[in-house]
Amino acid sequence: MSVDSWSRADRRSFSLPRLLPRKLFSLRTLALLVIVALIAGLGWVWYRGSSFVKITHVSVVGLSGPDIPQIRGALTQAALTMTTLSVNMHELEAAVQQYPVVQSISVKTHGDHALAIAVNEQVPVAVVESGGQRVPVDGQGQLLSQSTVPHGALPTVSLKTPTSGNEVTSAGALAALQVLQAAPYQLLSHITSATSSSVHGVIVQLENGPQIYFGPTTQLGAKWSAVVAVLQTSGSQGAAYIDVTDPQRPAAGVGVTTTSTTTTSTTASDASSLPST
């Protein structure tokens, strides 16, 4: 046998026994990796449900319709049982399923302990009347089912022509609905109707009270604040109308005729210290 043949045979005889230790090493490594993965998984499950990430602060935004305290309370109570790493959307939705104005909710965590809940509502702000039919409608002109009507009256928006489909399309009616949507919700039950005219823009009629001239549908938040401020003053008693076209200079009309108008101007700051009506 040649020297080269002997060297090859010698190397084979020494390399064969090494295969078994390598297999054992691989099995041990695999078992160790499985154990580490199990420990990590169990640790993650424990941590995501632990007090280290427990929700302790809840904010709820987007509420504008009826039952605001009840909806906020139901969502807050449900969220406080969760953690920021384990938010159960099904439980949150179930907490407010009895409130038909709630269409959907979304959540966002902040840090380890805070949760923000955004509520998307479809709130009826009026009842449209056309052809003897009365149907609740939201601020965008979407016709709603009767099940969405809360306790208490809603203003009437009359339509000259029947609606086509499931929404209001009349520009004047949509402007009136936009103004009603911006109103403090508690005031809606004190409003009998809302119309639109070329002279005064949107006109809101208060129950046993004056008409409100809103003009164009701009600065609606400021205009409603001005309305509340004027109603709180003694100067608005007996007024036929309140003009808030310019919310910085609202005017209460105390004597309206076809030839002249007597008004009393009132700024919001004049009434800020008076109690609400």
C-alpha atoms as a PDB file:
ATOM      1  CA  MET A   1       0.000   0.000   0.000  1.00  0.00           C
ATOM      2  CA  SER A   2       1.284   3.376  -0.934  1.00  0.00           C
ATOM      3  CA  VAL A   3       1.847   6.144   1.499  1.00  0.00           C
ATOM      4  CA  ASP A   4      -0.936   8.243  -0.068  1.00  0.00           C
ATOM      5  CA  SER A   5      -3.460   5.397   0.235  1.00  0.00           C
ATOM      6  CA  TRP A   6      -2.571   4.860   3.859  1.00  0.00           C
ATOM      7  CA  SER A   7      -3.013   8.566   4.669  1.00  0.00           C
ATOM      8  CA  ARG A   8      -6.518   8.612   3.133  1.00  0.00           C
ATOM      9  CA  ALA A   9      -7.579   5.523   5.062  1.00  0.00           C
ATOM     10  CA  ASP A  10      -6.132   6.943   8.255  1.00  0.00           C
ATOM     11  CA  ARG A  11      -8.108  10.180   7.868  1.00  0.00           C
ATOM     12  CA  ARG A  12     -11.354   8.280   7.286  1.00  0.00           C
ATOM     13  CA  SER A  13     -10.869   6.208  10.403  1.00  0.00           C
ATOM     14  CA  PHE A  14     -10.475   9.302  12.546  1.00  0.00           C
ATOM     15  CA  SER A  15     -13.285  11.395  10.985  1.00  0.00           C
ATOM     16  CA  LEU A  16     -16.119   8.849  11.311  1.00  0.00           C
ATOM     17  CA  PRO A  17     -16.394   8.906  15.148  1.00  0.00           C
ATOM     18  CA  ARG A  18     -16.861  12.696  15.114  1.00  0.00           C
ATOM     19  CA  LEU A  19     -20.321  12.494  13.503  1.00  0.00           C
ATOM     20  CA  LEU A  20     -22.110  11.373  16.696  1.00  0.00           C
ATOM     21  CA  PRO A  21     -20.922  14.221  18.950  1.00  0.00           C
ATOM     22  CA  ARG A  22     -21.983  16.750  16.291  1.00  0.00           C
ATOM     23  CA  LYS A  23     -25.506  15.289  16.204  1.00  0.00           C
ATOM     24  CA  LEU A  24     -25.720  15.404  19.972  1.00  0.00           C
ATOM     25  CA  PHE A  25     -24.550  19.008  19.972  1.00  0.00           C
ATOM     26  CA  SER A  26     -27.248  19.937  17.425  1.00  0.00           C
ATOM     27  CA  LEU A  27     -29.998  18.255  19.454  1.00  0.00           C
ATOM     28  CA  ARG A  28     -28.878  19.965  22.639  1.00  0.00           C
ATOM     29  CA  THR A  29     -28.818  23.349  20.869  1.00  0.00           C
ATOM     30  CA  LEU A  30     -32.289  22.805  19.434  1.00  0.00           C
ATOM     31  CA  ALA A  31     -33.683  21.785  22.817  1.00  0.00           C
ATOM     32  CA  LEU A  32     -32.099  24.827  24.444  1.00  0.00           C
ATOM     33  CA  LEU A  33     -33.589  27.149  21.810  1.00  0.00           C
ATOM     34  CA  VAL A  34     -37.042  25.615  22.334  1.00  0.00           C
ATOM     35  CA  ILE A  35     -36.774  26.110  26.103  1.00  0.00           C
ATOM     36  CA  VAL A  36     -35.632  29.726  25.669  1.00  0.00           C
ATOM     37  CA  ALA A  37     -38.534  30.390  23.265  1.00  0.00           C
ATOM     38  CA  LEU A  38     -41.048  28.905  25.710  1.00  0.00           C
ATOM     39  CA  ILE A  39     -39.693  30.967  28.589  1.00  0.00           C
ATOM     40  CA  ALA A  40     -39.754  34.130  26.449  1.00  0.00           C
ATOM     41  CA  GLY A  41     -43.322  33.427  25.313  1.00  0.00           C
ATOM     42  CA  LEU A  42     -44.563  32.795  28.833  1.00  0.00           C
ATOM     43  CA  GLY A  43     -42.754  35.895  30.026  1.00  0.00           C
ATOM     44  CA  TRP A  44     -44.381  38.011  27.309  1.00  0.00           C
ATOM     45  CA  VAL A  45     -47.841  36.656  28.141  1.00  0.00           C
ATOM     46  CA  TRP A  46     -47.279  37.498  31.801  1.00  0.00           C
ATOM     47  CA  TYR A  47     -45.889  40.957  31.073  1.00  0.00           C
ATOM     48  CA  ARG A  48     -48.667  42.068  28.680  1.00  0.00           C
ATOM     49  CA  GLY A  49     -51.230  41.332  31.373  1.00  0.00           C
ATOM     50  CA  SER A  50     -49.219  42.666  34.309  1.00  0.00           C
ATOM     51  CA  SER A  51     -49.560  45.858  36.325  1.00  0.00           C
ATOM     52  CA  PHE A  52     -46.475  47.241  34.564  1.00  0.00           C
ATOM     53  CA  VAL A  53     -48.684  48.101  31.578  1.00  0.00           C
ATOM     54  CA  LYS A  54     -52.101  48.340  33.279  1.00  0.00           C
ATOM     55  CA  ILE A  55     -54.330  51.136  31.960  1.00  0.00           C
ATOM     56  CA  THR A  56     -54.817  53.755  34.651  1.00  0.00           C
ATOM     57  CA  HIS A  57     -55.815  56.793  32.573  1.00  0.00           C
ATOM     58  CA  VAL A  58     -58.562  56.850  29.924  1.00  0.00           C
ATOM     59  CA  SER A  59     -59.610  59.760  27.716  1.00  0.00           C
ATOM     60  CA  VAL A  60     -62.712  59.632  25.519  1.00  0.00           C
ATOM     61  CA  VAL A  61     -63.167  62.090  22.638  1.00  0.00           C
ATOM     62  CA  GLY A  62     -65.768  62.553  19.912  1.00  0.00           C
ATOM     63  CA  LEU A  63     -68.884  62.575  22.098  1.00  0.00           C
ATOM     64  CA  SER A  64     -71.456  65.228  21.236  1.00  0.00           C
ATOM     65  CA  GLY A  65     -74.874  63.639  21.434  1.00  0.00           C
ATOM     66  CA  PRO A  66     -77.071  62.304  24.224  1.00  0.00           C
ATOM     67  CA  ASP A  67     -75.862  60.084  27.068  1.00  0.00           C
ATOM     68  CA  ILE A  68     -72.351  61.550  27.055  1.00  0.00           C
ATOM     69  CA  PRO A  69     -71.628  60.721  30.750  1.00  0.00           C
ATOM     70  CA  GLN A  70     -73.021  57.194  30.355  1.00  0.00           C
ATOM     71  CA  ILE A  71     -71.023  56.413  27.204  1.00  0.00           C
ATOM     72  CA  ARG A  72     -67.814  57.868  28.640  1.00  0.00           C
ATOM     73  CA  GLY A  73     -68.328  55.973  31.883  1.00  0.00           C
ATOM     74  CA  ALA A  74     -69.009  52.636  30.168  1.00  0.00           C
ATOM     75  CA  LEU A  75     -65.905  52.903  27.987  1.00  0.00           C
ATOM     76  CA  THR A  76     -63.716  54.048  30.874  1.00  0.00           C
ATOM     77  CA  GLN A  77     -64.884  51.250  33.168  1.00  0.00           C
ATOM     78  CA  ALA A  78     -64.217  48.614  30.507  1.00  0.00           C
ATOM     79  CA  ALA A  79     -60.803  50.046  29.576  1.00  0.00           C
ATOM     80  CA  LEU A  80     -59.573  50.127  33.169  1.00  0.00           C
ATOM     81  CA  THR A  81     -59.716  46.314  33.266  1.00  0.00           C
ATOM     82  CA  MET A  82     -57.202  46.084  30.398  1.00  0.00           C
ATOM     83  CA  THR A  83     -53.549  46.815  29.726  1.00  0.00           C
ATOM     84  CA  THR A  84     -52.002  48.904  26.967  1.00  0.00           C
ATOM     85  CA  LEU A  85     -50.590  45.707  25.442  1.00  0.00           C
ATOM     86  CA  SER A  86     -53.898  43.848  25.573  1.00  0.00           C
ATOM     87  CA  VAL A  87     -56.774  46.141  24.530  1.00  0.00           C
ATOM     88  CA  ASN A  88     -59.907  44.103  23.883  1.00  0.00           C
ATOM     89  CA  MET A  89     -61.895  45.940  21.186  1.00  0.00           C
ATOM     90  CA  HIS A  90     -64.768  43.467  21.424  1.00  0.00           C
ATOM     91  CA  GLU A  91     -65.289  44.293  25.103  1.00  0.00           C
ATOM     92  CA  LEU A  92     -65.131  48.038  24.443  1.00  0.00           C
ATOM     93  CA  GLU A  93     -67.701  47.772  21.642  1.00  0.00           C
ATOM     94  CA  ALA A  94     -69.952  45.601  23.809  1.00  0.00           C
ATOM     95  CA  ALA A  95     -69.827  48.234  26.568  1.00  0.00           C
ATOM     96  CA  VAL A  96     -71.583  50.791  24.326  1.00  0.00           C
ATOM     97  CA  GLN A  97     -73.731  48.576  22.122  1.00  0.00           C
ATOM     98  CA  GLN A  98     -76.880  49.832  23.871  1.00  0.00           C
ATOM     99  CA  TYR A  99     -76.235  53.366  22.565  1.00  0.00           C
ATOM    100  CA  PRO A 100     -77.331  53.502  18.904  1.00  0.00           C
ATOM    101  CA  VAL A 101     -75.583  56.833  18.227  1.00  0.00           C
ATOM    102  CA  VAL A 102     -72.181  55.123  18.590  1.00  0.00           C
ATOM    103  CA  GLN A 103     -71.151  53.903  15.145  1.00  0.00           C
ATOM    104  CA  SER A 104     -67.561  52.842  15.831  1.00  0.00           C
ATOM    105  CA  ILE A 105     -64.644  53.356  18.168  1.00  0.00           C
ATOM    106  CA  SER A 106     -60.874  53.433  17.732  1.00  0.00           C
ATOM    107  CA  VAL A 107     -58.107  53.409  20.323  1.00  0.00           C
ATOM    108  CA  LYS A 108     -54.551  54.631  20.701  1.00  0.00           C
ATOM    109  CA  THR A 109     -52.180  53.909  23.569  1.00  0.00           C
ATOM    110  CA  HIS A 110     -49.902  56.500  25.113  1.00  0.00           C
ATOM    111  CA  GLY A 111     -46.966  55.224  27.140  1.00  0.00           C
ATOM    112  CA  ASP A 112     -47.483  52.266  29.441  1.00  0.00           C
ATOM    113  CA  HIS A 113     -50.670  53.336  31.223  1.00  0.00           C
ATOM    114  CA  ALA A 114     -52.808  55.689  29.082  1.00  0.00           C
ATOM    115  CA  LEU A 115     -55.472  54.907  26.493  1.00  0.00           C
ATOM    116  CA  ALA A 116     -57.284  57.375  24.215  1.00  0.00           C
ATOM    117  CA  ILE A 117     -60.642  56.259  22.811  1.00  0.00           C
ATOM    118  CA  ALA A 118     -62.128  58.095  19.815  1.00  0.00           C
ATOM    119  CA  VAL A 119     -65.866  57.626  19.338  1.00  0.00           C
ATOM    120  CA  ASN A 120     -67.516  58.032  15.958  1.00  0.00           C
ATOM    121  CA  GLU A 121     -71.139  59.003  16.491  1.00  0.00           C
ATOM    122  CA  GLN A 122     -74.095  59.454  14.167  1.00  0.00           C
ATOM    123  CA  VAL A 123     -76.197  61.853  16.191  1.00  0.00           C
ATOM    124  CA  PRO A 124     -79.704  62.923  15.137  1.00  0.00           C
ATOM    125  CA  VAL A 125     -79.940  66.733  15.295  1.00  0.00           C
ATOM    126  CA  ALA A 126     -83.340  67.261  13.669  1.00  0.00           C
ATOM    127  CA  VAL A 127     -86.366  65.663  12.096  1.00  0.00           C
ATOM    128  CA  VAL A 128     -86.918  66.378   8.418  1.00  0.00           C
ATOM    129  CA  GLU A 129     -90.542  66.759   7.413  1.00  0.00           C
ATOM    130  CA  SER A 130     -91.683  66.140   3.868  1.00  0.00           C
ATOM    131  CA  GLY A 131     -94.920  64.828   2.396  1.00  0.00           C
ATOM    132  CA  GLY A 132     -96.353  64.089   5.820  1.00  0.00           C
ATOM    133  CA  GLN A 133     -93.370  61.955   6.818  1.00  0.00           C
ATOM    134  CA  ARG A 134     -90.973  62.754   9.641  1.00  0.00           C
ATOM    135  CA  VAL A 135     -87.534  61.145   9.615  1.00  0.00           C
ATOM    136  CA  PRO A 136     -84.587  61.808  11.967  1.00  0.00           C
ATOM    137  CA  VAL A 137     -81.445  63.145  10.306  1.00  0.00           C
ATOM    138  CA  ASP A 138     -77.872  63.838  11.367  1.00  0.00           C
ATOM    139  CA  GLY A 139     -75.848  66.989  10.820  1.00  0.00           C
ATOM    140  CA  GLN A 140     -74.525  65.740   7.483  1.00  0.00           C
ATOM    141  CA  GLY A 141     -77.998  65.192   6.061  1.00  0.00           C
ATOM    142  CA  GLN A 142     -77.972  61.399   6.448  1.00  0.00           C
ATOM    143  CA  LEU A 143     -81.432  59.982   7.172  1.00  0.00           C
ATOM    144  CA  LEU A 144     -81.490  57.749  10.238  1.00  0.00           C
ATOM    145  CA  SER A 145     -83.696  55.028  11.649  1.00  0.00           C
ATOM    146  CA  GLN A 146     -86.234  55.833  14.334  1.00  0.00           C
ATOM    147  CA  SER A 147     -84.174  53.794  16.822  1.00  0.00           C
ATOM    148  CA  THR A 148     -81.569  56.558  16.920  1.00  0.00           C
ATOM    149  CA  VAL A 149     -83.974  59.196  18.227  1.00  0.00           C
ATOM    150  CA  PRO A 150     -83.100  60.033  21.849  1.00  0.00           C
ATOM    151  CA  HIS A 151     -85.544  61.004  24.540  1.00  0.00           C
ATOM    152  CA  GLY A 152     -86.750  64.555  24.062  1.00  0.00           C
ATOM    153  CA  ALA A 153     -87.870  66.627  21.117  1.00  0.00           C
ATOM    154  CA  LEU A 154     -85.779  67.557  18.101  1.00  0.00           C
ATOM    155  CA  PRO A 155     -86.102  70.602  15.816  1.00  0.00           C
ATOM    156  CA  THR A 156     -88.011  70.288  12.566  1.00  0.00           C
ATOM    157  CA  VAL A 157     -86.450  71.033   9.195  1.00  0.00           C
ATOM    158  CA  SER A 158     -89.127  71.194   6.518  1.00  0.00           C
ATOM    159  CA  LEU A 159     -88.338  70.147   2.960  1.00  0.00           C
ATOM    160  CA  LYS A 160     -90.168  71.554  -0.059  1.00  0.00           C
ATOM    161  CA  THR A 161     -89.502  68.406  -2.060  1.00  0.00           C
ATOM    162  CA  PRO A 162     -89.212  64.811  -0.797  1.00  0.00           C
ATOM    163  CA  THR A 163     -85.738  63.420  -0.248  1.00  0.00           C
ATOM    164  CA  SER A 164     -84.277  61.098  -2.830  1.00  0.00           C
ATOM    165  CA  GLY A 165     -82.391  58.178  -1.391  1.00  0.00           C
ATOM    166  CA  ASN A 166     -81.085  58.233   2.159  1.00  0.00           C
ATOM    167  CA  GLU A 167     -79.853  61.792   2.447  1.00  0.00           C
ATOM    168  CA  VAL A 168     -80.937  65.409   2.290  1.00  0.00           C
ATOM    169  CA  THR A 169     -79.668  67.252  -0.759  1.00  0.00           C
ATOM    170  CA  SER A 170     -81.318  70.684  -0.446  1.00  0.00           C
ATOM    171  CA  ALA A 171     -78.644  73.349   0.141  1.00  0.00           C
ATOM    172  CA  GLY A 172     -80.845  75.361   2.502  1.00  0.00           C
ATOM    173  CA  ALA A 173     -81.758  72.314   4.597  1.00  0.00           C
ATOM    174  CA  LEU A 174     -78.129  71.178   4.763  1.00  0.00           C
ATOM    175  CA  ALA A 175     -77.103  74.628   5.997  1.00  0.00           C
ATOM    176  CA  ALA A 176     -79.767  74.462   8.715  1.00  0.00           C
ATOM    177  CA  LEU A 177     -78.580  70.986   9.750  1.00  0.00           C
ATOM    178  CA  GLN A 178     -74.984  72.208   9.912  1.00  0.00           C
ATOM    179  CA  VAL A 179     -76.008  74.966  12.328  1.00  0.00           C
ATOM    180  CA  LEU A 180     -77.990  72.525  14.483  1.00  0.00           C
ATOM    181  CA  GLN A 181     -75.057  70.108  14.578  1.00  0.00           C
ATOM    182  CA  ALA A 182     -72.859  72.858  16.064  1.00  0.00           C
ATOM    183  CA  ALA A 183     -75.400  73.699  18.795  1.00  0.00           C
ATOM    184  CA  PRO A 184     -74.897  72.516  22.373  1.00  0.00           C
ATOM    185  CA  TYR A 185     -76.864  69.276  22.329  1.00  0.00           C
ATOM    186  CA  GLN A 186     -78.901  70.239  25.399  1.00  0.00           C
ATOM    187  CA  LEU A 187     -80.349  73.188  23.454  1.00  0.00           C
ATOM    188  CA  LEU A 188     -81.826  71.093  20.643  1.00  0.00           C
ATOM    189  CA  SER A 189     -84.901  70.196  22.689  1.00  0.00           C
ATOM    190  CA  HIS A 190     -85.585  73.956  23.089  1.00  0.00           C
ATOM    191  CA  ILE A 191     -85.517  74.600  19.334  1.00  0.00           C
ATOM    192  CA  THR A 192     -88.719  74.118  17.354  1.00  0.00           C
ATOM    193  CA  SER A 193     -87.430  74.597  13.805  1.00  0.00           C
ATOM    194  CA  ALA A 194     -84.583  75.701  11.570  1.00  0.00           C
ATOM    195  CA  THR A 195     -84.917  77.259   8.132  1.00  0.00           C
ATOM    196  CA  SER A 196     -82.746  79.114   5.657  1.00  0.00           C
ATOM    197  CA  SER A 197     -83.401  82.443   3.936  1.00  0.00           C
ATOM    198  CA  SER A 198     -81.564  84.675   1.491  1.00  0.00           C
ATOM    199  CA  VAL A 199     -81.773  87.633   3.902  1.00  0.00           C
ATOM    200  CA  HIS A 200     -80.748  86.214   7.279  1.00  0.00           C
ATOM    201  CA  GLY A 201     -79.105  82.936   6.302  1.00  0.00           C
ATOM    202  CA  VAL A 202     -80.018  80.135   8.701  1.00  0.00           C
ATOM    203  CA  ILE A 203     -82.834  81.057  11.096  1.00  0.00           C
ATOM    204  CA  VAL A 204     -83.363  79.029  14.256  1.00  0.00           C
ATOM    205  CA  GLN A 205     -86.636  79.393  16.154  1.00  0.00           C
ATOM    206  CA  LEU A 206     -86.433  78.916  19.916  1.00  0.00           C
ATOM    207  CA  GLU A 207     -89.424  77.457  21.737  1.00  0.00           C
ATOM    208  CA  ASN A 208     -91.311  80.335  23.388  1.00  0.00           C
ATOM    209  CA  GLY A 209     -88.388  82.574  22.500  1.00  0.00           C
ATOM    210  CA  PRO A 210     -86.831  84.681  19.748  1.00  0.00           C
ATOM    211  CA  GLN A 211     -85.561  83.710  16.347  1.00  0.00           C
ATOM    212  CA  ILE A 212     -81.799  83.421  15.926  1.00  0.00           C
ATOM    213  CA  TYR A 213     -80.242  84.855  12.760  1.00  0.00           C
ATOM    214  CA  PHE A 214     -76.991  82.997  12.014  1.00  0.00           C
ATOM    215  CA  GLY A 215     -76.152  84.351   8.600  1.00  0.00           C
ATOM    216  CA  PRO A 216     -73.630  82.132   6.750  1.00  0.00           C
ATOM    217  CA  THR A 217     -72.535  78.801   8.234  1.00  0.00           C
ATOM    218  CA  THR A 218     -69.173  80.092   9.460  1.00  0.00           C
ATOM    219  CA  GLN A 219     -67.819  80.568  13.010  1.00  0.00           C
ATOM    220  CA  LEU A 220     -70.685  78.441  14.305  1.00  0.00           C
ATOM    221  CA  GLY A 221     -69.009  77.697  17.627  1.00  0.00           C
ATOM    222  CA  ALA A 222     -68.520  81.408  18.316  1.00  0.00           C
ATOM    223  CA  LYS A 223     -72.070  82.190  17.152  1.00  0.00           C
ATOM    224  CA  TRP A 224     -73.648  79.662  19.506  1.00  0.00           C
ATOM    225  CA  SER A 225     -71.525  81.018  22.368  1.00  0.00           C
ATOM    226  CA  ALA A 226     -72.846  84.475  21.532  1.00  0.00           C
ATOM    227  CA  VAL A 227     -76.426  83.170  21.521  1.00  0.00           C
ATOM    228  CA  VAL A 228     -76.026  81.679  24.997  1.00  0.00           C
ATOM    229  CA  ALA A 229     -74.390  84.879  26.253  1.00  0.00           C
ATOM    230  CA  VAL A 230     -77.206  87.092  24.945  1.00  0.00           C
ATOM    231  CA  LEU A 231     -79.895  84.815  26.366  1.00  0.00           C
ATOM    232  CA  GLN A 232     -78.257  85.218  29.759  1.00  0.00           C
ATOM    233  CA  THR A 233     -78.698  88.986  29.734  1.00  0.00           C
ATOM    234  CA  SER A 234     -81.777  90.929  30.741  1.00  0.00           C
ATOM    235  CA  GLY A 235     -81.552  92.844  27.462  1.00  0.00           C
ATOM    236  CA  SER A 236     -82.738  89.791  25.535  1.00  0.00           C
ATOM    237  CA  GLN A 237     -86.068  89.533  27.386  1.00  0.00           C
ATOM    238  CA  GLY A 238     -88.956  90.110  25.015  1.00  0.00           C
ATOM    239  CA  ALA A 239     -86.674  90.158  21.972  1.00  0.00           C
ATOM    240  CA  ALA A 240     -88.153  89.105  18.653  1.00  0.00           C
ATOM    241  CA  TYR A 241     -84.807  87.972  17.331  1.00  0.00           C
ATOM    242  CA  ILE A 242     -81.111  87.671  18.143  1.00  0.00           C
ATOM    243  CA  ASP A 243     -78.712  88.387  15.299  1.00  0.00           C
ATOM    244  CA  VAL A 244     -75.321  86.653  15.636  1.00  0.00           C
ATOM    245  CA  THR A 245     -74.185  87.096  12.061  1.00  0.00           C
ATOM    246  CA  ASP A 246     -71.189  88.836  13.625  1.00  0.00           C
ATOM    247  CA  PRO A 247     -70.572  86.808  16.804  1.00  0.00           C
ATOM    248  CA  GLN A 248     -68.420  89.585  18.242  1.00  0.00           C
ATOM    249  CA  ARG A 249     -71.358  92.023  18.096  1.00  0.00           C
ATOM    250  CA  PRO A 250     -74.592  90.077  18.626  1.00  0.00           C
ATOM    251  CA  ALA A 251     -77.783  92.137  18.599  1.00  0.00           C
ATOM    252  CA  ALA A 252     -81.130  91.444  20.245  1.00  0.00           C
ATOM    253  CA  GLY A 253     -84.076  92.948  18.338  1.00  0.00           C
ATOM    254  CA  VAL A 254     -86.722  94.145  20.795  1.00  0.00           C
ATOM    255  CA  GLY A 255     -89.115  95.793  18.365  1.00  0.00           C
ATOM    256  CA  VAL A 256     -89.477  94.674  14.772  1.00  0.00           C
ATOM    257  CA  THR A 257     -91.788  96.359  12.265  1.00  0.00           C
ATOM    258  CA  THR A 258     -91.867  96.551   8.498  1.00  0.00           C
ATOM    259  CA  THR A 259     -90.188  99.976   8.550  1.00  0.00           C
ATOM    260  CA  SER A 260     -87.850 100.062  11.526  1.00  0.00           C
ATOM    261  CA  THR A 261     -85.972  97.870  13.929  1.00  0.00           C
ATOM    262  CA  THR A 262     -84.859  98.650  17.469  1.00  0.00           C
ATOM    263  CA  THR A 263     -81.894  96.605  18.621  1.00  0.00           C
ATOM    264  CA  THR A 264     -79.728  96.211  21.680  1.00  0.00           C
ATOM    265  CA  SER A 265     -76.149  95.147  21.061  1.00  0.00           C
ATOM    266  CA  THR A 266     -74.591  92.817  23.601  1.00  0.00           C
ATOM    267  CA  THR A 267     -71.087  91.374  23.668  1.00  0.00           C
ATOM    268  CA  ALA A 268     -70.339  87.933  25.044  1.00  0.00           C
ATOM    269  CA  SER A 269     -68.153  89.405  27.768  1.00  0.00           C
ATOM    270  CA  ASP A 270     -71.077  91.432  29.107  1.00  0.00           C
ATOM    271  CA  ALA A 271     -72.896  88.238  30.080  1.00  0.00           C
ATOM    272  CA  SER A 272     -70.054  85.938  31.070  1.00  0.00           C
ATOM    273  CA  SER A 273     -70.779  86.246  34.793  1.00  0.00           C
ATOM    274  CA  LEU A 274     -74.510  85.568  34.563  1.00  0.00           C
ATOM    275  CA  PRO A 275     -76.007  82.152  35.320  1.00  0.00           C
ATOM    276  CA  SER A 276     -77.099  79.853  32.513  1.00  0.00           C
ATOM    277  CA  THR A 277     -80.726  79.664  31.499  1.00  0.00           C
END
